[in-house]
Amino acid sequence: MSYPDPLYTASDAAVSATITRADGEPDLVRTSGTEVHYLATGDTTGGLFGLYRWSMGPGRGGADPHFHRTMAESFYILSGTVRIYDGEEWVDAGVGDFAHVPPGGIHGFSNESGAPASMLIHFAPGAPREEYFEGLNQLNEMSPEERAEFFLAHDNNFLD
């Protein structure tokens, strides 16, 4: 395997780094109480990736088994215990554990521990997941047809 073609071709280096502080306010608080921090969006990375800190309270919450056609998704556990579905079984993942799911791979996640848990979620390439995350708070207001359309538009293909 070799390095990809250069993405930056200017002769001088650029001052372009960003820093997001750990104690900053979340960008989104879901109706479940989950806090989502937009660390790097597909928009801010030029579509290369998206990175989000997902902090779940002690109540049960997460995503049922599904897959994506357009992107890979990875999880890195920062605190607590998160159950990760690997396509065959639910596995308890703890601090420092990492899961990678290529496009088409069945996966899900859930906090069933009764204690808070947090993780980093990484998408590659970077899709506009913010619209999806924000829309989740309105699912109860959608008809079954609108909900199916919403999931399809955001490349979330849930299993029956």
Protein backbone atom coordinates (compact mmCIF):
# COMPACT_ATOMS: atom_id res chain seq x y z
CA MET A 1 0.00 0.00 0.00
CA SER A 2 1.28 3.48 -0.80
CA TYR A 3 0.38 6.97 0.27
CA PRO A 4 -2.54 8.59 -1.58
CA ASP A 5 -2.08 11.54 -3.90
CA PRO A 6 -1.40 14.82 -2.07
CA LEU A 7 -4.42 16.79 -0.91
CA TYR A 8 -2.36 19.88 -0.13
CA THR A 9 -0.15 21.15 -2.91
CA ALA A 10 0.81 24.71 -1.89
CA SER A 11 4.52 25.35 -1.43
CA ASP A 12 4.17 26.78 2.10
CA ALA A 13 2.56 25.17 5.13
CA ALA A 14 -0.78 26.55 6.34
CA VAL A 15 -1.87 27.70 9.78
CA SER A 16 -5.15 25.77 9.91
CA ALA A 17 -5.31 23.56 13.01
CA THR A 18 -8.35 23.70 15.29
CA ILE A 19 -8.68 22.81 18.97
CA THR A 20 -11.91 21.74 20.69
CA ARG A 21 -11.77 21.83 24.47
CA ALA A 22 -13.01 18.82 26.44
CA ASP A 23 -15.08 21.01 28.78
CA GLY A 24 -16.98 22.79 25.99
CA GLU A 25 -20.76 22.75 25.74
CA PRO A 26 -22.21 19.89 23.65
CA ASP A 27 -23.39 20.76 20.16
CA LEU A 28 -26.49 18.62 20.63
CA VAL A 29 -28.38 17.13 23.55
CA ARG A 30 -30.65 14.30 22.44
CA THR A 31 -34.04 13.70 24.06
CA SER A 32 -32.46 10.62 25.68
CA GLY A 33 -30.02 12.92 27.51
CA THR A 34 -27.11 11.87 25.30
CA GLU A 35 -24.68 14.72 24.65
CA VAL A 36 -23.01 14.93 21.26
CA HIS A 37 -19.90 17.01 20.62
CA TYR A 38 -19.08 17.71 16.97
CA LEU A 39 -15.28 17.43 17.13
CA ALA A 40 -14.71 17.32 13.35
CA THR A 41 -17.53 17.32 10.82
CA GLY A 42 -17.41 16.18 7.22
CA ASP A 43 -17.79 19.85 6.32
CA THR A 44 -14.79 20.97 8.40
CA THR A 45 -12.56 18.12 7.15
CA GLY A 46 -13.38 18.54 3.47
CA GLY A 47 -15.32 15.29 3.50
CA LEU A 48 -12.40 13.18 4.71
CA PHE A 49 -13.99 12.08 8.01
CA GLY A 50 -16.31 13.02 10.85
CA LEU A 51 -15.47 12.61 14.54
CA TYR A 52 -17.99 12.92 17.38
CA ARG A 53 -17.86 12.46 21.16
CA TRP A 54 -21.01 10.61 22.22
CA SER A 55 -21.71 10.82 25.98
CA MET A 56 -24.60 8.69 27.21
CA GLY A 57 -26.25 8.99 30.62
CA PRO A 58 -27.05 5.98 32.78
CA GLY A 59 -30.32 5.23 30.93
CA ARG A 60 -30.49 2.73 28.08
CA GLY A 61 -29.84 4.24 24.67
CA GLY A 62 -28.04 3.67 21.41
CA ALA A 63 -28.65 2.36 17.91
CA ASP A 64 -30.26 -0.93 16.91
CA PRO A 65 -28.44 -3.15 14.36
CA HIS A 66 -27.99 -1.39 11.03
CA PHE A 67 -25.46 -0.82 8.25
CA HIS A 68 -24.22 2.00 6.03
CA ARG A 69 -23.61 1.76 2.31
CA THR A 70 -21.49 4.91 1.94
CA MET A 71 -19.18 5.03 4.95
CA ALA A 72 -17.21 3.13 7.55
CA GLU A 73 -17.91 3.73 11.23
CA SER A 74 -15.55 3.23 14.18
CA PHE A 75 -16.01 3.40 17.94
CA TYR A 76 -13.42 4.11 20.65
CA ILE A 77 -14.64 3.78 24.24
CA LEU A 78 -13.58 6.66 26.49
CA SER A 79 -15.46 5.80 29.70
CA GLY A 80 -17.87 3.23 31.05
CA THR A 81 -19.10 0.17 29.17
CA VAL A 82 -20.80 0.27 25.76
CA ARG A 83 -22.36 -2.80 24.18
CA ILE A 84 -21.29 -3.05 20.54
CA TYR A 85 -23.06 -5.34 18.07
CA ASP A 86 -20.53 -6.87 15.67
CA GLY A 87 -23.08 -8.40 13.32
CA GLU A 88 -23.27 -11.67 15.25
CA GLU A 89 -23.40 -10.82 18.96
CA TRP A 90 -23.45 -7.97 21.47
CA VAL A 91 -20.04 -7.47 23.08
CA ASP A 92 -19.27 -5.37 26.16
CA ALA A 93 -16.59 -2.84 25.21
CA GLY A 94 -14.71 -0.93 27.90
CA VAL A 95 -12.27 1.93 28.17
CA GLY A 96 -9.69 1.77 25.38
CA ASP A 97 -11.59 -0.78 23.30
CA PHE A 98 -11.97 0.00 19.59
CA ALA A 99 -14.38 -1.33 16.98
CA HIS A 100 -14.21 -0.67 13.23
CA VAL A 101 -17.08 -1.41 10.86
CA PRO A 102 -16.44 -1.21 7.09
CA PRO A 103 -19.21 -0.07 4.71
CA GLY A 104 -21.94 -2.71 4.65
CA GLY A 105 -20.99 -4.13 8.05
CA ILE A 106 -23.84 -4.78 10.48
CA HIS A 107 -23.37 -3.00 13.80
CA GLY A 108 -25.16 -1.29 16.68
CA PHE A 109 -24.35 0.14 20.07
CA SER A 110 -26.11 0.55 23.39
CA ASN A 111 -25.49 1.69 26.93
CA GLU A 112 -27.16 -0.90 29.12
CA SER A 113 -24.74 -0.64 32.05
CA GLY A 114 -26.84 1.63 34.25
CA ALA A 115 -23.88 4.04 34.44
CA PRO A 116 -22.72 6.87 32.15
CA ALA A 117 -20.52 5.92 29.18
CA SER A 118 -18.81 7.88 26.44
CA MET A 119 -17.08 7.08 23.17
CA LEU A 120 -15.70 8.61 20.04
CA ILE A 121 -17.58 7.81 16.83
CA HIS A 122 -15.61 8.19 13.59
CA PHE A 123 -17.14 8.14 10.09
CA ALA A 124 -15.08 7.92 6.90
CA PRO A 125 -15.61 9.52 4.56
CA GLY A 126 -17.18 12.46 6.38
CA ALA A 127 -20.93 12.54 5.75
CA PRO A 128 -23.31 15.22 7.11
CA ARG A 129 -24.13 13.20 10.24
CA GLU A 130 -25.08 16.33 12.20
CA GLU A 131 -28.38 16.52 10.27
CA TYR A 132 -29.02 12.90 11.16
CA PHE A 133 -28.16 13.29 14.86
CA GLU A 134 -30.32 16.41 15.16
CA GLY A 135 -33.22 14.75 13.34
CA LEU A 136 -33.29 11.85 15.80
CA ASN A 137 -35.02 14.12 18.34
CA GLN A 138 -37.98 14.44 15.93
CA LEU A 139 -38.51 10.73 15.21
CA ASN A 140 -41.62 10.53 17.42
CA GLU A 141 -43.23 13.29 15.36
CA MET A 142 -42.70 11.42 12.06
CA SER A 143 -45.06 9.02 10.37
CA PRO A 144 -43.65 5.53 9.63
CA GLU A 145 -43.16 6.60 6.00
CA GLU A 146 -41.35 9.82 7.00
CA ARG A 147 -39.16 7.87 9.41
CA ALA A 148 -38.20 5.35 6.70
CA GLU A 149 -37.42 8.23 4.31
CA PHE A 150 -35.32 9.96 6.98
CA PHE A 151 -33.24 6.84 7.62
CA LEU A 152 -32.76 6.19 3.90
CA ALA A 153 -31.68 9.81 3.27
CA HIS A 154 -29.03 9.44 5.98
CA ASP A 155 -27.76 6.00 4.96
CA ASN A 156 -29.02 4.18 8.04
CA ASN A 157 -30.30 0.80 6.93
CA PHE A 158 -31.86 -0.91 9.95
CA LEU A 159 -32.37 -4.67 10.04
CA ASP A 160 -35.84 -6.10 10.57
